[in-house]
Amino acid sequence: MHKKRILIIDDEASQRELLKILFAGKGYSVRCAATGSEGLKEDESFNAQVIILDIRLPDMDGLNVLQQLRKNNPKTNIIMITAYHDMETTVRAMKLGACEYITKPIDVDELEEAVSRTFRFVSADEPEQRSVEGDLLQKGPIIGRSKSMKEIFKIVGMFCENRVTVLIEGETGTGKELIARAIHYYSPNSPHPFLAINCSALVESLLESELFGHEKGAFTGAFFTKKGKFELAGDGTLFLDEIGEIPFELQAKLLRFLQEKEFQHVGGEKTLKANARVIAATNRDLWRMVKEGTFREDLYYRLSVARVYVPPLRERKEDIRCLVDYLLKKIGLEIGKNIRKVEEKAIIRMLDYEWPGNVRQLENVLTRAAVITRGEVVLDEAVIPFLKKETIQGEDSKQGALSLEEVEREHIFKILTQTNWHVTKSAQILGISRPTLRTKIREYKLMPNR
């Protein structure tokens, strides 16, 4: 078995020697460097798994060395050491990717424990082969044991190794943003920002400014030049949620960015460049929108270079138990209660429920039930009030039997929702043609839930 490799970059000779003797005596392979440039050169040949880096070096700022080390190998595990205790430096170091931060005078036991803890994330023989799927399964916050979720973990593992544009499809509340964050987190660009924007939350003029920025005086209230999300993301990721809601006129500008990485500020003439990766998400059928003329076909193909479909909770009910366990811990911390479990009778009730709001609804139900729970176990009676059958969009609220027309409307809407508004699939299930289904959609004024 190869030894675990540690590189020590510190300008204090006595401390370098002390740490080298300490860790060599523990069975590690250790090399040392007295300057930042020497450390960078040493790491090229040594390929250290853990680097102990002093923040104050004679030739370079330790934070700059940290950035360069992370750039050369984003999976490098770096422990910063410093005599300075200011919060700003600590925060900067952690944001730049340091995994530990220890102040001088060094407590040898503390440092040794930090090194040992850091090596838990590293395979002694193959440090580069970190299992994204295993991390996601074990740590979350993407929770799931179902076959479909395991496939998503594998997809995340593939997509995080490149910078292709990704389209994440799925119903509201399925966790599309969590998937996007996982792709970013496990990518080499994870030290860079992850910015999210909901395309349905802003009017067209404000959305354009948020995305691309604006010049001073571009419109009423533009008192200064503002950078947009594409600039602010840098080499990181911009997550465009509800991409199906982006106005048609703005789609051309987004397409240009995806093709050329170029854009202009609102009210500006200068062509700017940005390198942000784009991950988009939608709960709508974009291809149907293309056919209807409300979404550009060329933009659709640009967005869907790589695709992820997140199944609704009703299609992966085997995940409910592990989701409940995870959410209870999260909710308990938020509301200050020690909620240990949910009564089995309530779990069975949850397994029988269809969850139209998906994981988001599950969390909401558990939160509301936990708030009214007095003990450590959420009982069935605490869950019942929040699991009433959801009314579908436009359903008649009157008591009594539904008309034949109302039954048909309800059934069509249910099938469309189950297929994520995939017209072809829905038509096949309903046993009617696509033109007939589109006619019914217009006739009953059906629209996806937002």
Protein backbone atom coordinates (compact mmCIF):
# COMPACT_ATOMS: atom_id res chain seq x y z
CA MET A 1 0.00 0.00 0.00
CA HIS A 2 1.32 3.46 -0.89
CA LYS A 3 1.85 5.90 1.97
CA LYS A 4 -0.50 8.82 2.44
CA ARG A 5 1.20 11.98 1.16
CA ILE A 6 1.46 15.27 3.09
CA LEU A 7 3.09 18.47 1.83
CA ILE A 8 4.04 21.14 4.42
CA ILE A 9 4.48 24.72 3.15
CA ASP A 10 5.81 26.94 5.95
CA ASP A 11 8.65 29.47 6.13
CA GLU A 12 9.57 28.57 9.73
CA ALA A 13 12.32 25.94 9.50
CA SER A 14 11.89 24.67 13.04
CA GLN A 15 8.18 24.17 12.59
CA ARG A 16 8.63 22.41 9.22
CA GLU A 17 11.10 20.00 10.82
CA LEU A 18 8.87 19.38 13.83
CA LEU A 19 5.83 18.61 11.68
CA LYS A 20 7.87 16.46 9.30
CA ILE A 21 9.17 14.33 12.19
CA LEU A 22 5.66 14.10 13.67
CA PHE A 23 3.87 12.91 10.55
CA ALA A 24 6.71 10.78 9.19
CA GLY A 25 6.66 8.99 12.54
CA LYS A 26 2.95 8.31 12.00
CA GLY A 27 3.68 6.56 8.70
CA TYR A 28 2.97 9.41 6.28
CA SER A 29 5.16 10.33 3.32
CA VAL A 30 6.13 13.97 3.97
CA ARG A 31 7.75 16.70 1.90
CA CYS A 32 8.38 20.33 2.86
CA ALA A 33 8.70 23.71 1.18
CA ALA A 34 9.75 27.09 2.62
CA THR A 35 8.03 29.36 0.06
CA GLY A 36 4.82 29.45 -1.93
CA SER A 37 6.52 29.03 -5.31
CA GLU A 38 8.63 26.14 -3.98
CA GLY A 39 5.45 24.53 -2.60
CA LEU A 40 3.62 24.81 -5.92
CA LYS A 41 6.57 23.25 -7.75
CA GLU A 42 6.90 20.48 -5.15
CA ASP A 43 3.20 19.60 -5.44
CA GLU A 44 3.47 19.13 -9.20
CA SER A 45 5.68 16.09 -8.73
CA PHE A 46 4.53 14.93 -5.29
CA ASN A 47 0.76 15.22 -5.86
CA ALA A 48 0.04 15.55 -2.14
CA GLN A 49 -3.30 14.36 -0.82
CA VAL A 50 -3.21 16.80 2.12
CA ILE A 51 -1.34 20.11 2.20
CA ILE A 52 -0.56 22.04 5.40
CA LEU A 53 -0.19 25.65 4.25
CA ASP A 54 0.94 28.71 6.21
CA ILE A 55 -1.05 31.80 5.29
CA ARG A 56 1.99 34.12 5.59
CA LEU A 57 4.87 33.24 3.26
CA PRO A 58 7.92 35.30 2.23
CA ASP A 59 7.18 35.36 -1.51
CA MET A 60 3.41 34.93 -1.84
CA ASP A 61 0.18 35.39 0.09
CA GLY A 62 -0.92 31.97 1.35
CA LEU A 63 -4.45 32.60 0.01
CA ASN A 64 -3.00 33.05 -3.49
CA VAL A 65 -1.09 29.80 -3.08
CA LEU A 66 -4.35 28.17 -1.93
CA GLN A 67 -6.13 29.38 -5.06
CA GLN A 68 -3.36 28.12 -7.32
CA LEU A 69 -3.24 24.73 -5.61
CA ARG A 70 -7.01 24.38 -5.95
CA LYS A 71 -6.81 25.46 -9.59
CA ASN A 72 -4.15 22.85 -10.33
CA ASN A 73 -6.15 20.17 -8.50
CA PRO A 74 -9.67 21.08 -7.27
CA LYS A 75 -9.72 17.95 -5.10
CA THR A 76 -6.64 18.94 -3.09
CA ASN A 77 -7.36 19.01 0.66
CA ILE A 78 -5.71 22.04 2.25
CA ILE A 79 -5.30 22.85 5.95
CA MET A 80 -4.47 26.51 6.56
CA ILE A 81 -2.33 27.53 9.56
CA THR A 82 -1.81 31.13 10.71
CA ALA A 83 -0.89 33.32 13.65
CA TYR A 84 -3.71 35.68 12.74
CA HIS A 85 -7.18 35.14 14.20
CA ASP A 86 -9.29 37.63 12.19
CA MET A 87 -12.65 36.43 10.91
CA GLU A 88 -12.28 37.93 7.44
CA THR A 89 -9.18 35.87 6.63
CA THR A 90 -10.82 32.73 7.99
CA VAL A 91 -13.94 33.24 5.88
CA ARG A 92 -11.88 33.98 2.76
CA ALA A 93 -9.79 30.85 3.25
CA MET A 94 -12.84 28.63 3.68
CA LYS A 95 -14.60 30.18 0.68
CA LEU A 96 -11.50 29.51 -1.42
CA GLY A 97 -11.68 25.84 -0.54
CA ALA A 98 -9.62 25.27 2.60
CA CYS A 99 -11.01 22.27 4.47
CA GLU A 100 -9.52 23.20 7.88
CA TYR A 101 -8.20 26.40 9.50
CA ILE A 102 -5.88 26.19 12.54
CA THR A 103 -4.28 29.08 14.42
CA LYS A 104 -0.80 29.32 15.92
CA PRO A 105 0.71 28.38 18.28
CA ILE A 106 -0.18 25.01 16.79
CA ASP A 107 -1.74 22.43 19.06
CA VAL A 108 -0.10 19.27 17.71
CA ASP A 109 -3.01 17.08 18.78
CA GLU A 110 -5.48 19.42 17.06
CA LEU A 111 -3.45 19.41 13.84
CA GLU A 112 -3.01 15.65 13.90
CA GLU A 113 -6.75 15.21 14.37
CA ALA A 114 -7.43 17.62 11.49
CA VAL A 115 -5.10 15.68 9.20
CA SER A 116 -6.71 12.39 10.19
CA ARG A 117 -10.18 13.85 9.61
CA THR A 118 -9.15 15.22 6.21
CA PHE A 119 -7.81 11.84 5.09
CA ARG A 120 -11.24 10.36 5.62
CA PHE A 121 -12.21 12.09 2.37
CA VAL A 122 -9.23 10.66 0.54
CA SER A 123 -8.55 7.14 -0.69
CA ALA A 124 -5.00 6.20 0.30
CA ASP A 125 -4.31 4.46 -3.01
CA GLU A 126 -6.50 6.38 -5.48
CA PRO A 127 -7.13 9.91 -4.20
CA GLU A 128 -8.75 11.09 -7.42
CA GLN A 129 -11.49 8.46 -7.44
CA ARG A 130 -13.98 10.04 -5.10
CA SER A 131 -17.42 8.49 -5.37
CA VAL A 132 -19.98 11.19 -6.11
CA GLU A 133 -22.77 8.62 -6.00
CA GLY A 134 -21.65 7.36 -2.60
CA ASP A 135 -21.32 10.88 -1.19
CA LEU A 136 -24.80 11.81 -2.37
CA LEU A 137 -26.29 8.62 -0.97
CA GLN A 138 -24.63 9.09 2.40
CA LYS A 139 -24.65 12.82 2.96
CA GLY A 140 -27.57 14.30 1.04
CA PRO A 141 -29.24 16.68 0.98
CA ILE A 142 -30.43 14.73 -2.07
CA ILE A 143 -32.04 11.79 -0.32
CA GLY A 144 -33.07 8.55 -1.96
CA ARG A 145 -32.55 4.82 -2.18
CA SER A 146 -34.82 4.15 -5.14
CA LYS A 147 -33.42 2.98 -8.45
CA SER A 148 -34.44 6.22 -10.15
CA MET A 149 -32.60 8.35 -7.59
CA LYS A 150 -29.48 6.19 -7.80
CA GLU A 151 -29.51 6.82 -11.55
CA ILE A 152 -29.66 10.55 -10.85
CA PHE A 153 -26.63 10.23 -8.56
CA LYS A 154 -24.72 8.61 -11.43
CA ILE A 155 -25.83 11.35 -13.82
CA VAL A 156 -24.63 14.01 -11.37
CA GLY A 157 -21.29 12.21 -11.29
CA MET A 158 -21.02 12.39 -15.09
CA PHE A 159 -22.20 15.98 -15.50
CA CYS A 160 -19.99 17.40 -12.76
CA GLU A 161 -16.87 16.44 -14.72
CA ASN A 162 -17.64 18.88 -17.55
CA ARG A 163 -19.29 22.24 -18.12
CA VAL A 164 -22.08 21.38 -20.55
CA THR A 165 -25.43 23.11 -20.20
CA VAL A 166 -27.89 20.96 -18.26
CA LEU A 167 -31.70 20.96 -18.33
CA ILE A 168 -33.39 19.51 -15.23
CA GLU A 169 -37.04 18.54 -15.72
CA GLY A 170 -39.57 17.58 -13.11
CA GLU A 171 -42.65 18.65 -11.22
CA THR A 172 -42.65 21.46 -8.68
CA GLY A 173 -41.16 20.42 -5.35
CA THR A 174 -39.09 17.47 -6.61
CA GLY A 175 -35.74 19.06 -5.72
CA LYS A 176 -34.45 20.31 -9.06
CA GLU A 177 -32.33 23.04 -7.46
CA LEU A 178 -30.70 20.47 -5.16
CA ILE A 179 -29.65 18.49 -8.25
CA ALA A 180 -28.19 21.65 -9.78
CA ARG A 181 -26.30 22.47 -6.60
CA ALA A 182 -24.90 18.92 -6.45
CA ILE A 183 -23.62 19.15 -10.02
CA HIS A 184 -21.90 22.42 -9.12
CA TYR A 185 -20.59 21.23 -5.75
CA TYR A 186 -18.86 18.17 -7.16
CA SER A 187 -17.43 19.99 -10.19
CA PRO A 188 -13.88 21.39 -10.42
CA ASN A 189 -15.49 24.85 -10.37
CA SER A 190 -17.12 24.35 -6.97
CA PRO A 191 -15.00 27.09 -5.33
CA HIS A 192 -16.74 29.58 -7.62
CA PRO A 193 -20.25 30.98 -6.98
CA PHE A 194 -23.53 29.16 -7.46
CA LEU A 195 -26.20 31.76 -8.22
CA ALA A 196 -29.89 31.03 -8.68
CA ILE A 197 -32.65 33.10 -10.22
CA ASN A 198 -36.35 32.31 -10.63
CA CYS A 199 -37.34 33.38 -14.15
CA SER A 200 -41.03 33.50 -13.22
CA ALA A 201 -40.53 35.87 -10.27
CA LEU A 202 -39.53 38.99 -12.21
CA VAL A 203 -41.08 41.05 -15.00
CA GLU A 204 -39.19 41.03 -18.30
CA SER A 205 -37.30 44.31 -17.82
CA LEU A 206 -36.08 43.38 -14.34
CA LEU A 207 -35.20 39.83 -15.39
CA GLU A 208 -33.05 41.12 -18.24
CA SER A 209 -31.24 43.45 -15.86
CA GLU A 210 -30.75 40.67 -13.29
CA LEU A 211 -29.28 38.35 -15.89
CA PHE A 212 -27.17 40.70 -17.99
CA GLY A 213 -26.74 43.82 -15.86
CA HIS A 214 -27.44 47.41 -16.88
CA GLU A 215 -25.72 50.72 -17.48
CA LYS A 216 -26.35 53.85 -15.45
CA GLY A 217 -29.39 55.65 -16.82
CA ALA A 218 -30.58 52.65 -18.86
CA PHE A 219 -34.05 53.05 -17.39
CA THR A 220 -35.86 54.94 -14.65
CA GLY A 221 -34.22 54.12 -11.35
CA ALA A 222 -30.94 52.90 -12.87
CA PHE A 223 -28.76 55.24 -10.80
CA PHE A 224 -25.58 53.21 -11.27
CA THR A 225 -24.06 50.52 -13.47
CA LYS A 226 -24.93 47.04 -12.22
CA LYS A 227 -23.37 43.70 -13.04
CA GLY A 228 -25.73 40.86 -13.93
CA LYS A 229 -25.77 37.30 -12.66
CA PHE A 230 -23.72 36.03 -15.61
CA GLU A 231 -20.83 38.33 -14.65
CA LEU A 232 -21.19 37.75 -10.92
CA ALA A 233 -21.13 33.96 -11.35
CA GLY A 234 -17.63 34.16 -12.86
CA ASP A 235 -16.43 30.62 -13.55
CA GLY A 236 -19.22 29.24 -11.39
CA THR A 237 -22.79 28.22 -12.15
CA LEU A 238 -25.96 30.19 -12.89
CA PHE A 239 -29.13 28.23 -12.14
CA LEU A 240 -32.14 29.42 -14.15
CA ASP A 241 -35.23 28.08 -12.42
CA GLU A 242 -38.56 27.97 -14.28
CA ILE A 243 -36.80 28.59 -17.60
CA GLY A 244 -40.11 28.03 -19.41
CA GLU A 245 -41.32 31.37 -18.03
CA ILE A 246 -38.58 33.46 -19.66
CA PRO A 247 -40.19 35.98 -22.06
CA PHE A 248 -39.89 35.11 -25.74
CA GLU A 249 -38.12 38.39 -26.56
CA LEU A 250 -35.43 37.66 -23.96
CA GLN A 251 -34.80 34.14 -25.22
CA ALA A 252 -32.69 35.39 -28.15
CA LYS A 253 -30.30 37.18 -25.79
CA LEU A 254 -29.97 34.07 -23.64
CA LEU A 255 -29.33 31.97 -26.75
CA ARG A 256 -26.52 34.30 -27.81
CA PHE A 257 -24.86 33.91 -24.44
CA LEU A 258 -25.08 30.11 -24.58
CA GLN A 259 -23.60 30.09 -28.08
CA GLU A 260 -20.92 32.77 -27.83
CA LYS A 261 -20.58 33.51 -24.09
CA GLU A 262 -21.24 37.13 -25.09
CA PHE A 263 -23.82 39.67 -23.94
CA GLN A 264 -24.46 43.38 -23.43
CA HIS A 265 -25.70 45.34 -20.45
CA VAL A 266 -29.19 46.77 -20.75
CA GLY A 267 -28.61 50.22 -22.24
CA GLY A 268 -25.01 49.35 -23.13
CA GLU A 269 -23.18 48.96 -26.44
CA LYS A 270 -20.02 47.18 -25.31
CA THR A 271 -19.92 43.42 -25.87
CA LEU A 272 -18.92 41.59 -22.71
CA LYS A 273 -17.74 38.05 -22.06
CA ALA A 274 -18.59 35.66 -19.22
CA ASN A 275 -17.80 32.03 -18.53
CA ALA A 276 -20.64 30.98 -16.23
CA ARG A 277 -22.05 27.50 -16.66
CA VAL A 278 -25.82 27.43 -17.12
CA ILE A 279 -28.09 24.85 -15.50
CA ALA A 280 -31.79 25.36 -16.19
CA ALA A 281 -34.88 23.76 -14.68
CA THR A 282 -38.52 23.55 -15.65
CA ASN A 283 -41.77 21.95 -14.57
CA ARG A 284 -43.25 22.51 -18.01
CA ASP A 285 -43.04 20.59 -21.27
CA LEU A 286 -40.62 22.81 -23.21
CA TRP A 287 -40.99 20.80 -26.38
CA ARG A 288 -44.75 21.36 -26.28
CA MET A 289 -44.03 25.08 -25.86
CA VAL A 290 -41.73 24.92 -28.91
CA LYS A 291 -44.54 23.39 -30.97
CA GLU A 292 -46.93 26.06 -29.70
CA GLY A 293 -44.48 28.80 -30.68
CA THR A 294 -43.90 30.14 -27.16
CA PHE A 295 -40.35 28.81 -26.76
CA ARG A 296 -37.51 29.01 -29.28
CA GLU A 297 -36.53 25.66 -30.77
CA ASP A 298 -32.85 26.64 -31.10
CA LEU A 299 -32.77 27.67 -27.43
CA TYR A 300 -34.43 24.39 -26.44
CA TYR A 301 -31.64 22.40 -28.10
CA ARG A 302 -28.96 24.60 -26.53
CA LEU A 303 -30.43 24.15 -23.06
CA SER A 304 -30.95 20.40 -23.34
CA VAL A 305 -27.40 19.35 -24.26
CA ALA A 306 -27.61 17.19 -21.13
CA ARG A 307 -30.90 16.37 -19.42
CA VAL A 308 -32.00 15.11 -16.03
CA TYR A 309 -35.55 14.02 -15.24
CA VAL A 310 -36.44 14.09 -11.55
CA PRO A 311 -39.36 11.70 -10.91
CA PRO A 312 -42.24 12.80 -8.67
CA LEU A 313 -42.40 11.40 -5.16
CA ARG A 314 -45.41 9.20 -6.00
CA GLU A 315 -43.17 7.28 -8.42
CA ARG A 316 -40.45 6.62 -5.82
CA LYS A 317 -42.34 6.01 -2.62
CA GLU A 318 -39.58 3.71 -1.38
CA ASP A 319 -37.67 6.97 -0.68
CA ILE A 320 -40.30 8.30 1.73
CA ARG A 321 -38.90 6.59 4.84
CA CYS A 322 -35.36 7.90 4.40
CA LEU A 323 -36.72 11.33 3.44
CA VAL A 324 -38.78 11.40 6.65
CA ASP A 325 -35.72 10.50 8.73
CA TYR A 326 -33.62 13.23 7.13
CA LEU A 327 -36.34 15.89 7.24
CA LEU A 328 -37.19 15.20 10.89
CA LYS A 329 -33.61 15.99 11.91
CA LYS A 330 -33.62 19.15 9.84
CA ILE A 331 -37.01 20.28 11.14
CA GLY A 332 -36.08 19.47 14.74
CA LEU A 333 -33.10 21.84 14.54
CA GLU A 334 -35.24 24.56 12.98
CA ILE A 335 -38.04 24.47 15.56
CA GLY A 336 -35.93 23.48 18.56
CA LYS A 337 -37.53 20.10 19.21
CA ASN A 338 -36.09 16.61 19.53
CA ILE A 339 -38.41 14.72 17.18
CA ARG A 340 -37.11 11.16 16.91
CA LYS A 341 -39.55 9.42 14.60
CA VAL A 342 -42.95 9.26 12.96
CA GLU A 343 -45.44 6.65 14.11
CA GLU A 344 -45.56 3.65 11.75
CA LYS A 345 -49.28 4.13 11.18
CA ALA A 346 -48.56 7.65 9.93
CA ILE A 347 -45.73 6.37 7.70
CA ILE A 348 -48.13 3.88 6.08
CA ARG A 349 -50.59 6.73 5.53
CA MET A 350 -47.82 8.72 3.84
CA LEU A 351 -46.94 5.76 1.64
CA ASP A 352 -50.55 5.64 0.45
CA TYR A 353 -50.67 9.37 -0.33
CA GLU A 354 -49.98 10.70 -3.85
CA TRP A 355 -47.97 13.80 -2.84
CA PRO A 356 -48.97 16.27 -5.56
CA GLY A 357 -46.51 18.77 -4.05
CA ASN A 358 -43.72 16.18 -3.90
CA VAL A 359 -40.82 16.46 -1.42
CA ARG A 360 -41.56 20.11 -0.70
CA GLN A 361 -45.06 19.14 0.41
CA LEU A 362 -43.69 16.25 2.50
CA GLU A 363 -41.41 18.67 4.34
CA ASN A 364 -44.30 21.07 4.86
CA VAL A 365 -46.55 18.34 6.27
CA LEU A 366 -43.82 17.09 8.62
CA THR A 367 -43.04 20.62 9.80
CA ARG A 368 -46.68 21.41 10.58
CA ALA A 369 -47.13 18.07 12.33
CA ALA A 370 -43.91 18.48 14.32
CA VAL A 371 -44.96 21.94 15.54
CA ILE A 372 -48.11 20.52 17.19
CA THR A 373 -46.35 17.40 18.50
CA ARG A 374 -45.74 17.45 22.25
CA GLY A 375 -43.51 14.41 22.60
CA GLU A 376 -40.67 12.95 20.56
CA VAL A 377 -42.87 10.95 18.16
CA VAL A 378 -45.11 12.41 15.47
CA LEU A 379 -48.40 10.52 15.82
CA ASP A 380 -50.83 9.62 13.08
CA GLU A 381 -53.44 12.10 14.30
CA ALA A 382 -50.91 14.93 13.90
CA VAL A 383 -50.45 14.05 10.23
CA ILE A 384 -54.07 13.37 9.19
CA PRO A 385 -55.20 17.05 8.97
CA PHE A 386 -52.45 17.83 6.48
CA LEU A 387 -53.02 14.87 4.16
CA LYS A 388 -56.46 15.68 2.85
CA LYS A 389 -57.03 15.04 -0.81
CA GLU A 390 -55.78 17.99 -2.82
CA THR A 391 -58.26 19.72 -5.09
CA ILE A 392 -57.10 19.93 -8.66
CA GLN A 393 -56.96 23.19 -10.55
CA GLY A 394 -60.45 24.43 -11.33
CA GLU A 395 -62.25 21.56 -9.59
CA ASP A 396 -65.82 22.43 -8.66
CA SER A 397 -65.99 23.05 -4.93
CA LYS A 398 -69.66 22.17 -4.64
CA GLN A 399 -70.70 19.08 -2.73
CA GLY A 400 -72.33 16.23 -4.60
CA ALA A 401 -71.68 14.25 -7.76
CA LEU A 402 -69.60 15.64 -10.58
CA SER A 403 -70.96 15.94 -14.09
CA LEU A 404 -69.52 13.78 -16.87
CA GLU A 405 -67.72 16.82 -18.24
CA GLU A 406 -66.21 17.59 -14.82
CA VAL A 407 -65.04 13.99 -14.41
CA GLU A 408 -63.38 14.11 -17.84
CA ARG A 409 -61.70 17.43 -17.05
CA GLU A 410 -60.40 16.10 -13.73
CA HIS A 411 -59.08 12.90 -15.28
CA ILE A 412 -57.30 14.67 -18.14
CA PHE A 413 -55.67 17.11 -15.73
CA LYS A 414 -54.54 14.23 -13.49
CA ILE A 415 -52.89 12.37 -16.40
CA LEU A 416 -51.21 15.54 -17.69
CA THR A 417 -49.81 16.22 -14.22
CA GLN A 418 -48.52 12.65 -13.87
CA THR A 419 -46.65 12.88 -17.18
CA ASN A 420 -45.29 16.36 -16.43
CA TRP A 421 -47.49 17.71 -19.24
CA HIS A 422 -46.01 15.42 -21.87
CA VAL A 423 -48.77 15.58 -24.50
CA THR A 424 -47.76 12.45 -26.42
CA LYS A 425 -47.55 10.27 -23.31
CA SER A 426 -50.78 11.69 -21.93
CA ALA A 427 -52.62 11.08 -25.19
CA GLN A 428 -51.42 7.47 -25.25
CA ILE A 429 -52.61 6.88 -21.68
CA LEU A 430 -55.96 8.53 -22.36
CA GLY A 431 -56.41 6.64 -25.63
CA ILE A 432 -56.98 9.76 -27.73
CA SER A 433 -54.99 11.58 -30.40
CA ARG A 434 -52.69 14.49 -29.63
CA PRO A 435 -54.85 17.01 -31.56
CA THR A 436 -57.90 15.84 -29.59
CA LEU A 437 -56.01 16.23 -26.30
CA ARG A 438 -54.86 19.72 -27.25
CA THR A 439 -58.45 20.61 -28.08
CA LYS A 440 -59.56 19.34 -24.65
CA ILE A 441 -56.78 21.35 -22.95
CA ARG A 442 -57.99 24.54 -24.64
CA GLU A 443 -61.64 23.70 -24.04
CA TYR A 444 -61.16 23.09 -20.31
CA LYS A 445 -58.59 25.91 -19.98
CA LEU A 446 -56.11 23.58 -18.33
CA MET A 447 -52.70 24.87 -17.27
CA PRO A 448 -49.82 23.36 -15.24
CA ASN A 449 -49.64 24.21 -11.56
CA ARG A 450 -47.01 26.83 -10.89
